[in-house]
């Protein structure tokens, strides 16, 4: 068994409307699901992605309106990288500049043009001009024309104090291939080379550990095909010394979680059933969707959630 790439990434935000405005309004991702944190039903869980939130494109947020800014550090995922079509970098420079987004850097990393900036809560983001990439399911009906639209994840950066256990997990267990190294950054890539196939390990010896609040990436989920394969992974990861949760039903996928020895929280999530299980493709993101065990609390939950406006997501 080998991991084919990233399934989704989950982060913590503060204001939900600012989150929607940035990721769907500015970056042009499709708003695909409005639900709640299954462990805290009075907190939203917002999902963005391509046309249907295919694995490798789904970015999710827990917005806590009163949350203070968290501390970035080792033991966390610290940067989310998106793939954009080759030769679209000028479009994005102009678009971000028009919205007063300050670039933290524009560089060529491993021979790929990369723009570095942050979202309203301080989460570091990158747009990577991806040569030869094809994004048939990118969302071109929102605010960004399809020829420039984000195709999904390029990858994620993990910040660690020591990289030995992380490198072994990615290479020897997940089956990623070791790639180039530049200074403190080591690259690993899934052999399937799909969206979300890159993991960069940034080794920062002696750096402080991060906290967890608004502006932090909560966890990274990797893809497994189905529940049968997921159970095999659960047994395999447990056998090499990790504490792994039982399989948990998240409605749109099944999940197991474990914390890598560097401190980063990992999830393995199934590709199915996907986000059209309770909404049609046309209507994704229109209604508040609750798991069945919270339906009897719907009125109370809706009264306690801040209203969010997403009319521009569903343009005809």
Protein backbone atom coordinates (compact mmCIF):
# COMPACT_ATOMS: atom_id res chain seq x y z
CA UNK A 1 0.00 0.00 0.00
CA UNK A 2 1.11 3.51 -0.80
CA UNK A 3 -0.42 6.88 0.01
CA UNK A 4 -1.36 8.69 -3.20
CA UNK A 5 -1.37 12.20 -1.73
CA UNK A 6 -3.25 14.70 0.40
CA UNK A 7 -6.98 14.23 0.92
CA UNK A 8 -7.74 17.50 2.74
CA UNK A 9 -6.19 20.06 5.05
CA UNK A 10 -7.99 21.53 8.06
CA UNK A 11 -7.13 24.85 9.68
CA UNK A 12 -8.52 27.25 12.28
CA UNK A 13 -9.93 30.66 11.35
CA UNK A 14 -11.51 33.50 13.30
CA UNK A 15 -14.26 35.37 11.44
CA UNK A 16 -16.23 33.00 9.16
CA UNK A 17 -17.34 35.72 6.74
CA UNK A 18 -13.79 36.94 6.21
CA UNK A 19 -12.79 33.32 5.62
CA UNK A 20 -15.46 32.88 2.93
CA UNK A 21 -14.64 36.22 1.32
CA UNK A 22 -10.95 35.33 1.08
CA UNK A 23 -11.04 31.70 -0.05
CA UNK A 24 -14.08 31.84 -2.32
CA UNK A 25 -14.19 35.53 -3.14
CA UNK A 26 -10.49 36.22 -3.71
CA UNK A 27 -8.93 32.82 -4.37
CA UNK A 28 -11.98 31.55 -6.27
CA UNK A 29 -12.34 28.16 -4.57
CA UNK A 30 -15.80 26.67 -4.58
CA UNK A 31 -17.66 26.77 -1.27
CA UNK A 32 -18.72 23.13 -1.16
CA UNK A 33 -20.02 22.42 2.32
CA UNK A 34 -21.43 24.30 5.29
CA UNK A 35 -21.65 22.04 8.30
CA UNK A 36 -20.50 22.04 11.94
CA UNK A 37 -17.59 20.73 13.93
CA UNK A 38 -18.82 17.25 14.85
CA UNK A 39 -17.20 17.63 18.28
CA UNK A 40 -18.49 21.20 18.81
CA UNK A 41 -21.77 21.74 16.93
CA UNK A 42 -21.92 25.46 17.73
CA UNK A 43 -18.82 25.99 15.56
CA UNK A 44 -18.93 25.92 11.77
CA UNK A 45 -16.94 23.51 9.68
CA UNK A 46 -16.53 25.15 6.26
CA UNK A 47 -15.22 23.34 3.18
CA UNK A 48 -13.73 24.64 -0.07
CA UNK A 49 -12.45 22.81 -3.13
CA UNK A 50 -12.82 22.19 -6.84
CA UNK A 51 -16.17 21.45 -8.52
CA UNK A 52 -17.10 18.75 -6.01
CA UNK A 53 -14.29 18.89 -3.46
CA UNK A 54 -12.36 15.99 -4.91
CA UNK A 55 -9.61 14.51 -2.71
CA UNK A 56 -6.53 16.66 -3.05
CA UNK A 57 -8.54 19.88 -3.29
CA UNK A 58 -10.58 20.13 -0.06
CA UNK A 59 -9.52 22.86 2.36
CA UNK A 60 -11.58 23.04 5.56
CA UNK A 61 -11.85 25.47 8.46
CA UNK A 62 -13.12 25.63 12.01
CA UNK A 63 -13.87 29.36 12.47
CA UNK A 64 -13.82 30.53 16.09
CA UNK A 65 -14.92 34.20 16.04
CA UNK A 66 -13.44 35.01 19.47
CA UNK A 67 -10.18 33.11 18.99
CA UNK A 68 -6.87 34.85 19.49
CA UNK A 69 -4.09 34.48 16.93
CA UNK A 70 -2.21 31.23 17.42
CA UNK A 71 1.55 30.72 17.50
CA UNK A 72 3.28 29.06 14.58
CA UNK A 73 6.14 26.72 15.28
CA UNK A 74 7.50 23.24 14.93
CA UNK A 75 5.21 20.27 15.41
CA UNK A 76 2.74 21.71 12.90
CA UNK A 77 1.93 22.00 9.26
CA UNK A 78 2.90 25.61 8.58
CA UNK A 79 2.18 26.33 4.91
CA UNK A 80 -0.48 25.32 2.38
CA UNK A 81 0.59 25.30 -1.27
CA UNK A 82 -1.91 25.42 -4.15
CA UNK A 83 -1.29 24.47 -7.78
CA UNK A 84 -2.10 27.05 -10.42
CA UNK A 85 -1.82 26.61 -14.19
CA UNK A 86 1.55 27.25 -15.75
CA UNK A 87 1.96 30.84 -17.01
CA UNK A 88 -0.81 32.17 -14.74
CA UNK A 89 1.50 33.73 -12.17
CA UNK A 90 1.13 37.25 -13.63
CA UNK A 91 -2.65 37.04 -13.32
CA UNK A 92 -2.34 36.15 -9.65
CA UNK A 93 0.22 38.84 -8.91
CA UNK A 94 -2.16 41.42 -10.35
CA UNK A 95 -5.23 39.95 -8.61
CA UNK A 96 -3.64 39.76 -5.18
CA UNK A 97 -2.14 43.23 -5.57
CA UNK A 98 -5.54 44.67 -6.46
CA UNK A 99 -6.86 43.29 -3.17
CA UNK A 100 -3.92 44.72 -1.19
CA UNK A 101 -2.47 41.32 -0.37
CA UNK A 102 1.17 41.74 0.65
CA UNK A 103 3.55 39.18 -0.83
CA UNK A 104 5.93 37.63 1.64
CA UNK A 105 7.99 36.39 -1.25
CA UNK A 106 8.14 35.56 -4.94
CA UNK A 107 10.73 32.94 -5.70
CA UNK A 108 11.70 30.01 -7.85
CA UNK A 109 11.81 26.92 -5.65
CA UNK A 110 12.97 23.69 -7.23
CA UNK A 111 12.51 25.40 -10.62
CA UNK A 112 8.87 26.36 -10.02
CA UNK A 113 7.57 29.93 -9.70
CA UNK A 114 6.04 30.41 -6.26
CA UNK A 115 4.09 33.27 -4.67
CA UNK A 116 4.04 33.40 -0.86
CA UNK A 117 1.42 35.36 1.10
CA UNK A 118 -0.96 34.93 4.05
CA UNK A 119 -4.71 34.74 4.63
CA UNK A 120 -6.56 37.13 7.01
CA UNK A 121 -5.65 34.97 10.02
CA UNK A 122 -1.98 34.70 9.13
CA UNK A 123 -1.94 31.21 7.61
CA UNK A 124 0.93 31.07 5.13
CA UNK A 125 -0.16 30.18 1.60
CA UNK A 126 1.66 29.57 -1.66
CA UNK A 127 0.60 29.55 -5.29
CA UNK A 128 2.88 27.29 -7.32
CA UNK A 129 2.95 27.57 -11.11
CA UNK A 130 2.80 23.89 -11.98
CA UNK A 131 4.31 22.90 -15.32
CA UNK A 132 2.29 20.49 -17.42
CA UNK A 133 -0.52 20.29 -14.88
CA UNK A 134 -4.08 19.60 -15.99
CA UNK A 135 -6.99 20.56 -13.74
CA UNK A 136 -10.21 19.30 -15.38
CA UNK A 137 -12.28 19.81 -12.23
CA UNK A 138 -11.11 23.28 -11.20
CA UNK A 139 -13.92 25.67 -10.31
CA UNK A 140 -14.21 28.18 -13.13
CA UNK A 141 -17.74 29.44 -12.43
CA UNK A 142 -16.88 31.61 -9.46
CA UNK A 143 -14.71 34.70 -9.25
CA UNK A 144 -11.61 33.44 -11.08
CA UNK A 145 -11.65 32.47 -14.79
CA UNK A 146 -11.07 28.78 -15.40
CA UNK A 147 -7.77 29.31 -17.25
CA UNK A 148 -6.27 30.77 -14.05
CA UNK A 149 -8.22 28.84 -11.42
CA UNK A 150 -6.56 26.95 -8.58
CA UNK A 151 -6.50 23.25 -9.43
CA UNK A 152 -6.10 21.86 -5.94
CA UNK A 153 -3.27 21.42 -3.50
CA UNK A 154 0.30 21.39 -4.66
CA UNK A 155 1.41 20.24 -1.23
CA UNK A 156 2.00 21.12 2.39
CA UNK A 157 4.99 22.12 4.51
CA UNK A 158 5.61 20.42 7.86
CA UNK A 159 7.87 22.18 10.37
CA UNK A 160 9.77 19.88 12.72
CA UNK A 161 12.72 20.05 15.12
CA UNK A 162 14.08 16.68 14.06
CA UNK A 163 13.20 15.11 10.76
CA UNK A 164 14.26 11.49 11.20
CA UNK A 165 10.89 9.97 12.15
CA UNK A 166 8.97 12.17 9.71
CA UNK A 167 11.25 11.20 6.84
CA UNK A 168 10.93 7.49 7.68
CA UNK A 169 7.12 7.73 7.87
CA UNK A 170 6.80 9.53 4.54
CA UNK A 171 9.33 7.41 2.65
CA UNK A 172 9.27 3.95 4.19
CA UNK A 173 5.65 3.78 5.36
CA UNK A 174 3.64 6.08 3.06
CA UNK A 175 5.78 5.19 0.05
CA UNK A 176 6.67 8.76 -0.97
CA UNK A 177 9.82 9.32 -2.99
CA UNK A 178 12.60 11.46 -1.54
CA UNK A 179 13.19 14.49 -3.73
CA UNK A 180 15.49 17.49 -3.78
CA UNK A 181 16.89 19.19 -0.68
CA UNK A 182 17.50 22.91 -0.32
CA UNK A 183 18.94 24.06 2.99
CA UNK A 184 16.52 23.07 5.75
CA UNK A 185 13.81 21.93 3.28
CA UNK A 186 13.51 18.29 2.16
CA UNK A 187 10.90 17.35 -0.43
CA UNK A 188 8.89 14.14 -0.60
CA UNK A 189 6.43 13.31 -3.36
CA UNK A 190 3.79 10.65 -3.91
CA UNK A 191 4.65 8.29 -6.73
CA UNK A 192 1.22 8.90 -8.28
CA UNK A 193 2.07 12.59 -8.81
CA UNK A 194 -1.57 13.71 -8.46
CA UNK A 195 -2.83 16.96 -6.95
CA UNK A 196 -1.60 17.26 -3.39
CA UNK A 197 1.33 14.97 -3.97
CA UNK A 198 4.10 17.02 -2.33
CA UNK A 199 5.16 17.18 1.31
CA UNK A 200 8.04 19.46 2.26
CA UNK A 201 9.73 18.85 5.61
CA UNK A 202 11.26 22.00 7.07
CA UNK A 203 13.76 21.15 9.81
CA UNK A 204 14.16 23.94 12.35
CA UNK A 205 16.30 22.59 15.18
CA UNK A 206 15.69 24.37 18.46
CA UNK A 207 12.67 26.34 17.20
CA UNK A 208 9.70 26.71 19.60
CA UNK A 209 6.68 24.49 19.30
CA UNK A 210 3.56 26.11 17.92
CA UNK A 211 0.26 26.66 19.71
CA UNK A 212 -3.17 25.97 18.24
CA UNK A 213 -5.67 28.74 17.61
CA UNK A 214 -6.78 31.00 14.76
CA UNK A 215 -4.17 31.08 12.02
CA UNK A 216 -2.87 27.56 12.63
CA UNK A 217 -3.21 24.45 10.49
CA UNK A 218 -4.91 21.82 12.64
CA UNK A 219 -4.08 18.68 10.69
CA UNK A 220 -3.24 17.17 7.32
CA UNK A 221 -5.31 14.29 5.94
CA UNK A 222 -3.91 11.82 3.44
CA UNK A 223 -5.88 9.68 1.00
CA UNK A 224 -6.82 6.04 1.32
CA UNK A 225 -9.12 4.38 -1.18
CA UNK A 226 -11.72 2.75 1.05
CA UNK A 227 -12.50 1.46 4.53
CA UNK A 228 -10.87 -1.91 3.94
CA UNK A 229 -7.59 -0.25 3.02
CA UNK A 230 -8.00 2.21 5.87
CA UNK A 231 -8.23 -0.60 8.42
CA UNK A 232 -5.05 -2.14 7.03
CA UNK A 233 -3.34 1.23 7.40
CA UNK A 234 -4.63 1.55 10.95
CA UNK A 235 -3.11 -1.79 11.88
CA UNK A 236 0.13 -1.02 10.06
CA UNK A 237 0.64 2.36 11.71
CA UNK A 238 -0.27 1.00 15.12
CA UNK A 239 2.24 -1.83 14.69
CA UNK A 240 5.13 0.64 14.24
CA UNK A 241 4.41 2.43 17.50
CA UNK A 242 1.82 5.11 16.84
CA UNK A 243 -1.39 5.54 18.81
CA UNK A 244 -4.13 5.46 16.17
CA UNK A 245 -7.81 6.22 16.72
CA UNK A 246 -10.59 3.87 15.71
CA UNK A 247 -12.29 4.63 12.40
CA UNK A 248 -14.55 7.66 12.79
CA UNK A 249 -17.46 8.51 10.50
CA UNK A 250 -17.22 12.11 9.22
CA UNK A 251 -20.23 11.71 6.86
CA UNK A 252 -18.21 12.67 3.76
CA UNK A 253 -15.34 10.31 4.49
CA UNK A 254 -14.16 7.89 7.19
CA UNK A 255 -11.13 8.93 9.23
CA UNK A 256 -8.38 7.70 11.50
CA UNK A 257 -5.96 10.03 13.31
CA UNK A 258 -2.51 9.78 14.80
CA UNK A 259 0.16 12.25 15.86
CA UNK A 260 3.48 11.86 14.09
CA UNK A 261 6.43 11.79 16.52
CA UNK A 262 7.42 15.32 15.47
CA UNK A 263 4.07 16.55 16.81
CA UNK A 264 2.12 17.00 13.55
CA UNK A 265 -1.42 15.61 13.60
CA UNK A 266 -2.09 13.29 10.64
CA UNK A 267 -5.35 11.85 9.38
CA UNK A 268 -6.01 9.12 6.83
CA UNK A 269 -9.36 9.72 5.10
CA UNK A 270 -11.28 7.63 2.58
CA UNK A 271 -11.98 8.98 -0.91
CA UNK A 272 -15.68 8.15 -0.62
CA UNK A 273 -18.53 8.85 -0.21
CA UNK A 274 -17.66 12.49 -0.97
CA UNK A 275 -19.51 15.77 -0.64
CA UNK A 276 -22.40 15.00 -2.99
CA UNK A 277 -23.75 12.39 -0.58
CA UNK A 278 -26.21 14.92 0.90
CA UNK A 279 -26.32 17.66 -1.77
CA UNK A 280 -26.33 17.62 -5.54
CA UNK A 281 -23.28 18.99 -7.33
CA UNK A 282 -25.32 22.01 -8.41
CA UNK A 283 -26.39 22.82 -4.84
CA UNK A 284 -23.17 22.23 -2.94
CA UNK A 285 -22.72 24.64 -0.05
CA UNK A 286 -26.22 26.11 -0.13
CA UNK A 287 -27.61 24.72 3.13
CA UNK A 288 -26.37 24.00 6.64
CA UNK A 289 -25.83 20.25 6.76
CA UNK A 290 -25.85 18.51 10.12
CA UNK A 291 -25.00 14.93 11.01
CA UNK A 292 -28.09 12.96 11.96
CA UNK A 293 -27.31 13.02 15.69
CA UNK A 294 -27.52 16.83 15.76
CA UNK A 295 -30.71 17.26 13.74
CA UNK A 296 -32.83 17.51 16.90
CA UNK A 297 -30.69 20.53 17.89
CA UNK A 298 -30.90 22.29 14.52
CA UNK A 299 -32.86 25.32 15.71
CA UNK A 300 -30.50 25.98 18.61
CA UNK A 301 -27.42 25.43 16.45
CA UNK A 302 -28.61 27.76 13.69
CA UNK A 303 -29.40 30.51 16.22
CA UNK A 304 -25.89 30.34 17.65
CA UNK A 305 -23.97 30.35 14.36
CA UNK A 306 -23.07 33.67 12.76
CA UNK A 307 -24.80 34.12 9.39
CA UNK A 308 -22.48 33.98 6.39
CA UNK A 309 -23.13 35.35 2.94
CA UNK A 310 -22.07 33.27 -0.06
CA UNK A 311 -24.29 34.42 -2.95
CA UNK A 312 -21.39 34.89 -5.38
CA UNK A 313 -20.39 31.27 -5.08
CA UNK A 314 -23.39 29.99 -7.02
CA UNK A 315 -23.26 32.07 -10.16
CA UNK A 316 -25.15 30.74 -13.11
